[in-house]
Amino acid sequence: MESTRGASFAAEVKRFRTIRSLSKAALARRLSVDPSYVSHLEGGRERGSSQLARRLDTVLDAGGAVWRAWQDEPSATSPRSEKPDSPAAALLVLEDDAALTFDGTTYHLRMRRWLHNTGTEPVTRYLARIAVDRHPGEPERSNELYRSRPLTFDELQLTAHCGDEPMTWTVKHDRDAFKEVWLEFANARTRFPLYPGQETEITYTYSVSEALWGRWFQRAVRLPTRELSVSLTFPAALQPTVWGTESSLTATFAPLRTPAERTEQGELAVFTWTTLDPPLHTRFRLEWNLRTDTPEESEPVPTPSTLMTQAGIVQEGDPLLASTAQPFDLPSEAEEAHTVVRKLKEGIARVRALHTFGKGMGLAAPQINIGRAAAVVVPPDAGAEPIILLNPTIAEASAELDRQYEGCLSYFDVRGLVPRPLSVVIAHTDLDGTPRLTRFDHGLARLVLHEVDHLHGVLYRDRMDPDTEPITVDEYRGTGENWTYS
């Protein structure tokens, strides 16, 4: 029998929905939930998360009444099954929301989970899995693909947040087509464990090229979950069609009980699907077809330089690559510098979706058709922060050199053996005008010097020893591997 306090939240939702002359379906649309979920809320069978309660209060213009009723109601968020006996198992997923977007070449995934700790110990990490398969049902073909072109953390561009706080992550498994990472409730500045009785929202994002991800997406229910939803977004011009299946430990694949609903948003087609209280160990799989003008097998393979051109990288022969970039007047041009850095990071994201950079990589503003003295360098270490260089010049360089092969996005079909100092000190400027001196060694020194050269109109061909020529990318054997130093 429902308690008075337990019914107050449900009563307030129904009262304000009636006052606002909204049907259950209309309220569900505003909340982006299934209409049956509104029935569960008003019937007292579902309490929802604190985030949902705040959204309800706003949508219903309840002036805080709905939110206060939710706060007054005793917690009903313990799992319906046996009580878990470990911190990880004690997590209850109130909302599990996956949003997959295809931009024509790359899949971008955002996972959002609203978690409630129903256990007795603080939770300090969350396990995230990433699995791809370009050729489902053809294991030999997939194995051949991923042996030659493994999925890397470098191209995934994995990011994670708990609320507004960035989350660090550590690798548990790193296989060619499968990754597992622990998302830590911590970063370099602070720790934020999820204590018993608390709720929080975590999100993580990553991107995978279409060349590595087939036309499917699967959600496996590994923790007690109240609401699971998936959205798939495609260019409408590709005429996408979507269907789905579900399976469990005891049942083979069967059609989803409800279809994905399609809506049009400008030039995009969006498919959404939601289920409530999915059973543990159930797997929901969505698949799709896209219209293509030519069969996949007959499509010509673009050259590396062609791919870079398509990603917006200025190619060799453009006068801008032979010119000295204009320095920023900082801090007065801080806003413009910030915009250029943002555009560089966007360019890096496009490029990293097309190629594995085991050595790290960099991009200078002239390479995206901006003649300003800015560059961004991405270290090879997974999770390392990008290095931003504004108005960089060489303040000091070691006399000791080494020779390693380099590639340049502006003529990416070849690799050249280039002598570089093993250590360098770079003078550069912060956005607020503060001058900096930063030392870089070995591979980072090489990456940074390559980009500083770009800002002074110098390409690595100009640094190569006399009578030495680049080799084709097919001849080069170091793709995807870091430089080695004794």
Protein backbone atom coordinates (compact mmCIF):
# COMPACT_ATOMS: atom_id res chain seq x y z
CA MET A 1 0.00 0.00 0.00
CA GLU A 2 1.46 3.40 -1.02
CA SER A 3 2.38 5.80 1.75
CA THR A 4 1.08 9.36 1.72
CA ARG A 5 4.57 10.75 1.31
CA GLY A 6 5.33 8.26 -1.45
CA ALA A 7 2.25 9.36 -3.38
CA SER A 8 2.90 13.10 -3.04
CA PHE A 9 5.38 13.30 -5.90
CA ALA A 10 3.09 11.34 -8.21
CA ALA A 11 0.14 13.53 -7.19
CA GLU A 12 2.04 16.74 -7.85
CA VAL A 13 3.11 15.56 -11.30
CA LYS A 14 -0.47 14.66 -12.23
CA ARG A 15 -1.89 17.89 -10.71
CA PHE A 16 0.44 20.21 -12.61
CA ARG A 17 0.08 18.23 -15.83
CA THR A 18 -3.68 18.72 -15.57
CA ILE A 19 -3.31 22.43 -14.74
CA ARG A 20 -1.09 22.90 -17.81
CA SER A 21 -3.59 21.00 -20.00
CA LEU A 22 -0.99 18.48 -21.12
CA SER A 23 -1.74 14.91 -22.08
CA LYS A 24 0.62 12.20 -20.89
CA ALA A 25 1.93 11.88 -24.44
CA ALA A 26 2.56 15.64 -24.68
CA LEU A 27 4.45 15.67 -21.38
CA ALA A 28 6.45 12.63 -22.48
CA ARG A 29 7.50 14.44 -25.67
CA ARG A 30 8.71 17.45 -23.70
CA LEU A 31 10.72 15.17 -21.42
CA SER A 32 11.97 12.96 -24.29
CA VAL A 33 10.69 9.83 -22.53
CA ASP A 34 8.25 7.07 -23.41
CA PRO A 35 4.57 7.94 -22.61
CA SER A 36 4.34 4.80 -20.46
CA TYR A 37 7.03 6.29 -18.21
CA VAL A 38 4.73 9.22 -17.37
CA SER A 39 2.05 6.67 -16.42
CA HIS A 40 4.56 4.96 -14.12
CA LEU A 41 5.42 8.31 -12.49
CA GLU A 42 1.79 9.28 -11.89
CA GLY A 43 0.91 5.83 -10.68
CA GLY A 44 3.68 5.89 -8.08
CA ARG A 45 5.38 2.90 -9.68
CA GLU A 46 8.41 4.98 -10.70
CA ARG A 47 10.18 7.78 -8.83
CA GLY A 48 12.75 8.85 -11.40
CA SER A 49 16.08 10.56 -10.80
CA SER A 50 16.71 13.92 -9.21
CA GLN A 51 17.57 15.27 -12.66
CA LEU A 52 14.23 14.11 -14.06
CA ALA A 53 12.40 15.68 -11.09
CA ARG A 54 14.03 19.03 -11.80
CA ARG A 55 13.15 18.75 -15.49
CA LEU A 56 9.55 17.97 -14.59
CA ASP A 57 9.38 21.00 -12.32
CA THR A 58 10.68 23.22 -15.12
CA VAL A 59 8.51 21.73 -17.90
CA LEU A 60 5.38 21.92 -15.74
CA ASP A 61 6.26 25.41 -14.43
CA ALA A 62 5.56 24.11 -10.93
CA GLY A 63 7.53 26.76 -9.06
CA GLY A 64 9.50 24.15 -7.13
CA ALA A 65 6.47 22.15 -5.92
CA VAL A 66 7.29 19.01 -7.94
CA TRP A 67 10.96 19.16 -6.98
CA ARG A 68 10.13 19.58 -3.27
CA ALA A 69 7.70 16.64 -3.42
CA TRP A 70 10.41 14.48 -4.95
CA GLN A 71 12.84 15.48 -2.19
CA ASP A 72 10.26 14.70 0.52
CA GLU A 73 9.52 11.26 -0.87
CA PRO A 74 11.43 8.32 0.65
CA SER A 75 14.02 6.85 -1.70
CA ALA A 76 12.69 3.99 -3.76
CA THR A 77 15.77 3.44 -5.86
CA SER A 78 17.08 0.17 -4.47
CA PRO A 79 17.26 -2.63 -7.04
CA ARG A 80 14.26 -4.92 -7.31
CA SER A 81 16.46 -8.03 -7.21
CA GLU A 82 18.72 -9.32 -4.48
CA LYS A 83 20.87 -6.76 -2.70
CA PRO A 84 24.31 -6.48 -4.32
CA ASP A 85 27.27 -7.18 -2.07
CA SER A 86 30.02 -5.14 -3.79
CA PRO A 87 30.36 -1.41 -4.54
CA ALA A 88 30.28 -1.99 -8.30
CA ALA A 89 27.19 -4.21 -8.13
CA ALA A 90 25.50 -1.69 -5.81
CA LEU A 91 25.21 0.85 -8.62
CA LEU A 92 21.72 1.43 -9.96
CA VAL A 93 21.46 3.08 -13.39
CA LEU A 94 18.46 5.41 -13.25
CA GLU A 95 18.93 6.65 -16.82
CA ASP A 96 21.09 5.10 -19.54
CA ASP A 97 21.14 7.26 -22.65
CA ALA A 98 23.24 6.50 -25.75
CA ALA A 99 23.39 8.97 -28.66
CA LEU A 100 25.17 7.79 -31.84
CA THR A 101 25.66 10.28 -34.69
CA PHE A 102 27.04 9.46 -38.15
CA ASP A 103 28.42 12.44 -40.10
CA GLY A 104 29.06 10.57 -43.35
CA THR A 105 32.53 9.25 -42.50
CA THR A 106 32.72 8.85 -38.71
CA TYR A 107 30.51 7.63 -35.88
CA HIS A 108 30.44 9.85 -32.77
CA LEU A 109 29.04 8.30 -29.59
CA ARG A 110 27.96 10.02 -26.38
CA MET A 111 27.07 7.79 -23.45
CA ARG A 112 25.23 9.36 -20.49
CA ARG A 113 24.36 7.52 -17.31
CA TRP A 114 22.61 8.79 -14.20
CA LEU A 115 23.91 6.61 -11.35
CA HIS A 116 22.65 5.98 -7.82
CA ASN A 117 24.84 4.28 -5.22
CA THR A 118 22.54 1.87 -3.36
CA GLY A 119 25.38 0.13 -1.52
CA THR A 120 27.28 0.77 1.68
CA GLU A 121 30.68 1.75 0.25
CA PRO A 122 31.76 4.69 -1.93
CA VAL A 123 32.16 3.99 -5.66
CA THR A 124 35.43 5.30 -7.10
CA ARG A 125 35.37 4.05 -10.72
CA TYR A 126 33.08 2.88 -13.50
CA LEU A 127 33.88 0.30 -16.19
CA ALA A 128 33.28 1.40 -19.80
CA ARG A 129 33.50 -0.94 -22.80
CA ILE A 130 34.15 -0.10 -26.44
CA ALA A 131 33.71 -2.81 -29.10
CA VAL A 132 33.62 -2.51 -32.89
CA ASP A 133 33.09 -4.98 -35.74
CA ARG A 134 33.12 -3.78 -39.34
CA HIS A 135 31.95 -7.16 -40.69
CA PRO A 136 29.50 -8.82 -38.26
CA GLY A 137 29.10 -12.52 -38.99
CA GLU A 138 32.40 -12.66 -40.88
CA PRO A 139 35.00 -13.20 -38.13
CA GLU A 140 37.88 -14.06 -40.48
CA ARG A 141 37.33 -10.89 -42.49
CA SER A 142 37.08 -8.79 -39.32
CA ASN A 143 40.21 -10.36 -37.82
CA GLU A 144 42.15 -9.60 -40.99
CA LEU A 145 40.95 -5.97 -40.93
CA TYR A 146 41.82 -5.29 -37.30
CA ARG A 147 45.20 -7.02 -37.48
CA SER A 148 46.22 -4.57 -40.18
CA ARG A 149 44.22 -1.60 -38.87
CA PRO A 150 43.63 -1.91 -35.12
CA LEU A 151 41.41 0.51 -33.25
CA THR A 152 43.58 2.78 -31.09
CA PHE A 153 42.92 5.02 -28.11
CA ASP A 154 44.63 7.80 -30.04
CA GLU A 155 41.89 7.88 -32.68
CA LEU A 156 39.04 7.22 -30.22
CA GLN A 157 39.60 10.63 -28.57
CA LEU A 158 37.94 9.30 -25.42
CA THR A 159 36.73 11.95 -22.97
CA ALA A 160 34.74 11.48 -19.75
CA HIS A 161 33.07 13.75 -17.20
CA CYS A 162 31.23 13.38 -13.91
CA GLY A 163 28.95 16.41 -13.89
CA ASP A 164 31.32 19.24 -14.82
CA GLU A 165 34.44 17.47 -13.51
CA PRO A 166 36.73 15.71 -16.03
CA MET A 167 37.33 12.04 -15.21
CA THR A 168 40.68 10.37 -15.69
CA TRP A 169 40.74 6.83 -17.03
CA THR A 170 42.97 3.78 -16.94
CA VAL A 171 43.11 0.94 -19.45
CA LYS A 172 41.91 -2.51 -18.39
CA HIS A 173 41.97 -4.21 -21.81
CA ASP A 174 43.42 -2.94 -25.09
CA ARG A 175 42.71 -5.29 -28.00
CA ASP A 176 42.51 -4.62 -31.71
CA ALA A 177 38.71 -4.21 -31.79
CA PHE A 178 37.84 -4.12 -28.09
CA LYS A 179 38.74 -1.75 -25.26
CA GLU A 180 37.85 -1.61 -21.57
CA VAL A 181 38.71 1.37 -19.38
CA TRP A 182 38.07 2.31 -15.78
CA LEU A 183 36.60 5.80 -15.60
CA GLU A 184 37.94 7.19 -12.34
CA PHE A 185 35.88 9.48 -10.12
CA ALA A 186 38.96 11.69 -9.89
CA ASN A 187 41.23 13.99 -11.85
CA ALA A 188 44.56 15.71 -11.24
CA ARG A 189 42.84 18.41 -9.17
CA THR A 190 40.38 16.55 -6.98
CA ARG A 191 38.55 13.31 -6.15
CA PHE A 192 34.76 12.93 -6.09
CA PRO A 193 33.68 9.41 -5.01
CA LEU A 194 30.00 8.53 -5.30
CA TYR A 195 28.99 7.92 -1.68
CA PRO A 196 26.13 5.67 -0.51
CA GLY A 197 22.77 7.27 -1.23
CA GLN A 198 24.21 9.81 -3.67
CA GLU A 199 23.39 10.26 -7.37
CA THR A 200 25.51 11.65 -10.17
CA GLU A 201 25.63 11.89 -13.94
CA ILE A 202 28.60 10.61 -15.93
CA THR A 203 29.14 11.07 -19.66
CA TYR A 204 31.81 9.79 -21.98
CA THR A 205 32.37 10.29 -25.69
CA TYR A 206 34.47 8.75 -28.43
CA SER A 207 34.61 8.58 -32.22
CA VAL A 208 35.27 5.71 -34.64
CA SER A 209 35.77 5.86 -38.40
CA GLU A 210 33.18 4.09 -40.57
CA ALA A 211 36.10 2.00 -41.86
CA LEU A 212 36.26 0.32 -38.44
CA TRP A 213 32.64 0.28 -37.24
CA GLY A 214 29.89 -1.69 -38.94
CA ARG A 215 26.25 -0.68 -39.18
CA TRP A 216 25.12 -1.82 -35.75
CA PHE A 217 25.03 -0.67 -32.13
CA GLN A 218 24.44 -2.86 -29.10
CA ARG A 219 23.52 -2.15 -25.49
CA ALA A 220 24.06 -4.85 -22.86
CA VAL A 221 22.33 -4.49 -19.47
CA ARG A 222 25.07 -5.28 -16.95
CA LEU A 223 23.70 -3.27 -14.00
CA PRO A 224 20.13 -2.86 -12.70
CA THR A 225 18.66 -0.19 -14.97
CA ARG A 226 15.41 1.79 -14.79
CA GLU A 227 15.37 3.43 -18.21
CA LEU A 228 17.48 2.69 -21.29
CA SER A 229 17.27 4.84 -24.42
CA VAL A 230 19.17 5.01 -27.71
CA SER A 231 19.15 7.67 -30.42
CA LEU A 232 20.71 7.23 -33.86
CA THR A 233 21.25 10.25 -36.11
CA PHE A 234 22.10 10.01 -39.82
CA PRO A 235 22.14 12.37 -42.82
CA ALA A 236 18.63 12.05 -44.24
CA ALA A 237 20.11 12.00 -47.76
CA LEU A 238 21.45 8.50 -47.01
CA GLN A 239 17.85 7.26 -46.65
CA PRO A 240 18.54 5.33 -43.44
CA THR A 241 16.38 2.45 -42.25
CA VAL A 242 16.69 1.08 -38.69
CA TRP A 243 15.55 -2.13 -37.04
CA GLY A 244 16.46 -3.99 -33.86
CA THR A 245 16.61 -7.26 -31.97
CA GLU A 246 16.96 -8.35 -28.36
CA SER A 247 18.43 -11.43 -26.73
CA SER A 248 19.20 -12.76 -23.25
CA LEU A 249 21.03 -15.64 -21.61
CA THR A 250 18.03 -17.88 -22.17
CA ALA A 251 16.53 -16.54 -25.42
CA THR A 252 17.77 -16.19 -28.99
CA PHE A 253 17.44 -13.01 -31.02
CA ALA A 254 13.88 -11.68 -31.34
CA PRO A 255 12.56 -8.39 -32.76
CA LEU A 256 12.46 -5.42 -30.40
CA ARG A 257 9.08 -5.23 -28.70
CA THR A 258 8.65 -1.63 -29.91
CA PRO A 259 10.12 -0.05 -33.05
CA ALA A 260 12.51 2.89 -33.13
CA GLU A 261 10.60 6.10 -33.84
CA ARG A 262 11.85 8.31 -36.67
CA THR A 263 11.77 12.12 -36.70
CA GLU A 264 13.25 14.62 -39.14
CA GLN A 265 15.46 17.46 -37.90
CA GLY A 266 16.39 19.53 -40.93
CA GLU A 267 18.74 17.43 -43.04
CA LEU A 268 19.04 14.75 -40.36
CA ALA A 269 17.00 11.63 -39.66
CA VAL A 270 16.82 10.76 -35.95
CA PHE A 271 15.71 7.36 -34.64
CA THR A 272 14.89 7.00 -30.92
CA TRP A 273 14.10 3.91 -28.91
CA THR A 274 13.41 3.52 -25.16
CA THR A 275 12.70 0.65 -22.80
CA LEU A 276 11.89 0.61 -19.07
CA ASP A 277 13.27 -1.80 -16.47
CA PRO A 278 15.22 -3.96 -18.95
CA PRO A 279 16.12 -7.36 -17.44
CA LEU A 280 19.74 -7.92 -16.44
CA HIS A 281 21.96 -9.55 -19.09
CA THR A 282 19.58 -8.58 -21.92
CA ARG A 283 21.24 -7.33 -25.11
CA PHE A 284 19.50 -4.86 -27.39
CA ARG A 285 20.96 -4.52 -30.88
CA LEU A 286 20.03 -1.80 -33.39
CA GLU A 287 21.09 -2.14 -37.02
CA TRP A 288 20.71 0.09 -40.06
CA ASN A 289 21.05 0.36 -43.81
CA LEU A 290 22.28 3.47 -45.63
CA ARG A 291 21.98 4.27 -49.31
CA THR A 292 25.31 4.41 -51.15
CA ASP A 293 25.84 5.28 -54.79
CA THR A 294 28.37 2.48 -55.41
CA PRO A 295 29.01 -0.87 -53.76
CA GLU A 296 31.61 -0.77 -51.01
CA GLU A 297 33.91 -3.20 -52.80
CA SER A 298 34.10 -1.06 -55.94
CA GLU A 299 34.86 2.25 -54.25
CA PRO A 300 38.38 3.50 -55.09
CA VAL A 301 40.74 3.68 -52.13
CA PRO A 302 41.73 7.33 -51.59
CA THR A 303 45.41 8.16 -51.12
CA PRO A 304 46.59 9.46 -47.73
CA SER A 305 47.00 12.97 -49.16
CA THR A 306 43.51 12.83 -50.65
CA LEU A 307 42.10 11.95 -47.24
CA MET A 308 43.95 14.89 -45.67
CA THR A 309 42.62 17.20 -48.38
CA GLN A 310 39.09 16.00 -47.64
CA ALA A 311 39.76 16.73 -43.94
CA GLY A 312 40.55 20.36 -44.82
CA ILE A 313 44.37 20.24 -44.68
CA VAL A 314 46.21 22.68 -47.00
CA GLN A 315 48.50 20.73 -49.33
CA GLU A 316 52.07 21.32 -50.51
CA GLY A 317 52.32 23.99 -53.19
CA ASP A 318 49.99 26.42 -51.42
CA PRO A 319 51.89 29.71 -50.89
CA LEU A 320 50.69 29.89 -47.28
CA LEU A 321 52.89 26.90 -46.37
CA ALA A 322 55.97 28.83 -47.53
CA SER A 323 55.09 32.01 -45.61
CA THR A 324 55.90 33.15 -42.07
CA ALA A 325 52.78 33.21 -39.92
CA GLN A 326 51.71 36.47 -38.28
CA PRO A 327 52.25 36.49 -34.47
CA PHE A 328 49.40 37.35 -32.12
CA ASP A 329 49.42 40.56 -30.09
CA LEU A 330 48.57 39.09 -26.71
CA PRO A 331 46.53 39.57 -24.65
CA SER A 332 44.66 42.02 -26.93
CA GLU A 333 44.13 39.29 -29.57
CA ALA A 334 43.37 36.55 -27.03
CA GLU A 335 39.87 35.95 -28.39
CA GLU A 336 41.15 35.52 -31.94
CA ALA A 337 43.94 33.21 -30.72
CA HIS A 338 41.40 31.14 -28.80
CA THR A 339 39.27 30.79 -31.95
CA VAL A 340 42.28 29.65 -34.01
CA VAL A 341 43.20 27.05 -31.37
CA ARG A 342 39.62 25.77 -31.37
CA LYS A 343 39.71 25.40 -35.16
CA LEU A 344 43.06 23.57 -34.91
CA LYS A 345 41.57 21.10 -32.43
CA GLU A 346 38.60 20.55 -34.73
CA GLY A 347 41.02 19.89 -37.61
CA ILE A 348 42.97 17.43 -35.45
CA ALA A 349 39.74 15.58 -34.62
CA ARG A 350 38.95 15.21 -38.34
CA VAL A 351 42.44 13.95 -39.14
CA ARG A 352 42.65 11.51 -36.22
CA ALA A 353 39.43 9.89 -37.38
CA LEU A 354 41.25 8.96 -40.61
CA HIS A 355 44.66 7.75 -39.42
CA THR A 356 46.45 6.16 -36.46
CA PHE A 357 49.17 8.41 -34.99
CA GLY A 358 51.34 6.19 -32.81
CA LYS A 359 54.00 8.90 -32.56
CA GLY A 360 51.61 11.70 -31.67
CA MET A 361 50.81 14.44 -34.15
CA GLY A 362 50.48 18.17 -34.60
CA LEU A 363 48.78 20.79 -36.71
CA ALA A 364 49.83 24.36 -37.46
CA ALA A 365 47.42 27.16 -38.37
CA PRO A 366 48.75 27.60 -41.95
CA GLN A 367 47.77 23.97 -42.60
CA ILE A 368 44.10 24.91 -42.11
CA ASN A 369 44.48 28.08 -44.20
CA ILE A 370 45.03 30.48 -41.27
CA GLY A 371 48.23 32.50 -41.46
CA ARG A 372 48.65 33.03 -37.71
CA ALA A 373 51.36 31.78 -35.34
CA ALA A 374 49.49 29.00 -33.55
CA ALA A 375 49.96 25.24 -33.41
CA VAL A 376 48.61 22.33 -31.38
CA VAL A 377 50.64 19.18 -30.66
CA VAL A 378 49.04 15.95 -29.42
CA PRO A 379 51.50 13.74 -27.46
CA PRO A 380 51.46 9.99 -28.14
CA ASP A 381 50.44 9.12 -24.58
CA ALA A 382 46.73 8.27 -24.31
CA GLY A 383 44.89 10.86 -22.26
CA ALA A 384 47.71 13.44 -22.38
CA GLU A 385 46.59 17.05 -22.77
CA PRO A 386 47.29 18.77 -26.13
CA ILE A 387 50.20 21.23 -26.17
CA ILE A 388 49.13 24.70 -27.32
CA LEU A 389 51.84 26.88 -28.84
CA LEU A 390 51.22 30.58 -29.54
CA ASN A 391 54.00 32.67 -31.14
CA PRO A 392 56.55 29.85 -30.65
CA THR A 393 60.25 30.35 -31.40
CA ILE A 394 63.31 28.23 -30.65
CA ALA A 395 65.15 29.60 -27.61
CA GLU A 396 67.67 26.77 -27.27
CA ALA A 397 68.44 23.50 -29.07
CA SER A 398 70.82 20.69 -28.20
CA ALA A 399 73.81 20.05 -30.41
CA GLU A 400 73.08 16.31 -30.31
CA LEU A 401 70.85 15.20 -33.19
CA ASP A 402 69.07 12.05 -34.25
CA ARG A 403 67.40 11.06 -37.50
CA GLN A 404 63.87 9.71 -37.61
CA TYR A 405 61.19 9.41 -40.27
CA GLU A 406 58.51 12.09 -40.21
CA GLY A 407 55.24 12.52 -42.03
CA CYS A 408 53.47 15.77 -42.89
CA LEU A 409 49.72 16.11 -43.29
CA SER A 410 50.35 18.51 -46.17
CA TYR A 411 52.00 15.77 -48.29
CA PHE A 412 51.02 12.59 -46.49
CA ASP A 413 51.85 10.10 -49.26
CA VAL A 414 55.55 10.04 -48.28
CA ARG A 415 57.79 9.90 -45.20
CA GLY A 416 61.18 11.61 -44.85
CA LEU A 417 64.27 10.94 -42.71
CA VAL A 418 64.84 14.22 -40.86
CA PRO A 419 67.66 15.20 -38.45
CA ARG A 420 66.38 17.04 -35.36
CA PRO A 421 67.86 18.14 -32.00
CA LEU A 422 67.19 15.67 -29.19
CA SER A 423 66.17 18.52 -26.89
CA VAL A 424 64.76 21.98 -27.46
CA VAL A 425 63.51 24.94 -25.39
CA ILE A 426 60.60 26.81 -26.97
CA ALA A 427 59.68 30.39 -26.13
CA HIS A 428 55.93 30.92 -26.44
CA THR A 429 53.10 33.02 -25.01
CA ASP A 430 49.96 32.33 -22.98
CA LEU A 431 46.63 33.86 -23.97
CA ASP A 432 47.02 36.43 -21.20
CA GLY A 433 50.38 37.52 -22.63
CA THR A 434 52.56 35.69 -20.12
CA PRO A 435 55.84 34.58 -21.77
CA ARG A 436 56.80 30.94 -21.32
CA LEU A 437 59.88 28.77 -21.81
CA THR A 438 59.16 25.04 -22.17
CA ARG A 439 61.64 22.21 -22.71
CA PHE A 440 60.76 19.26 -24.93
CA ASP A 441 62.82 16.11 -25.40
CA HIS A 442 63.06 13.29 -27.92
CA GLY A 443 59.77 12.60 -29.74
CA LEU A 444 57.98 15.65 -28.33
CA ALA A 445 60.90 17.84 -29.38
CA ARG A 446 60.57 16.47 -32.92
CA LEU A 447 56.79 17.02 -33.01
CA VAL A 448 57.08 20.58 -31.67
CA LEU A 449 59.94 21.52 -34.02
CA HIS A 450 57.96 20.21 -37.01
CA GLU A 451 55.07 22.58 -36.16
CA VAL A 452 57.32 25.55 -35.33
CA ASP A 453 58.89 25.07 -38.77
CA HIS A 454 55.43 25.29 -40.36
CA LEU A 455 54.90 28.69 -38.70
CA HIS A 456 58.10 29.93 -40.33
CA GLY A 457 57.34 28.59 -43.81
CA VAL A 458 59.67 25.58 -43.54
CA LEU A 459 58.72 22.00 -44.50
CA TYR A 460 60.60 18.91 -43.35
CA ARG A 461 61.91 18.40 -46.89
CA ASP A 462 64.04 21.50 -46.24
CA ARG A 463 65.57 19.82 -43.16
CA MET A 464 66.53 16.53 -44.81
CA ASP A 465 70.18 15.72 -45.55
CA PRO A 466 71.36 16.59 -49.07
CA ASP A 467 70.76 13.89 -51.68
CA THR A 468 68.13 12.27 -49.42
CA GLU A 469 64.59 11.84 -50.73
CA PRO A 470 61.35 10.86 -48.99
CA ILE A 471 60.06 7.32 -49.40
CA THR A 472 56.49 6.35 -50.23
CA VAL A 473 54.14 5.53 -47.38
CA ASP A 474 53.93 1.95 -48.72
CA GLU A 475 57.69 1.55 -48.20
CA TYR A 476 57.59 2.99 -44.69
CA ARG A 477 57.33 0.38 -41.91
CA GLY A 478 56.81 2.55 -38.83
CA THR A 479 53.14 3.51 -39.19
CA GLY A 480 51.28 3.42 -35.88
CA GLU A 481 54.49 3.02 -33.81
CA ASN A 482 56.35 5.56 -31.69
CA TRP A 483 59.91 6.64 -32.37
CA THR A 484 62.51 4.76 -30.33
CA TYR A 485 65.33 6.32 -28.31
CA SER A 486 68.16 4.61 -26.47
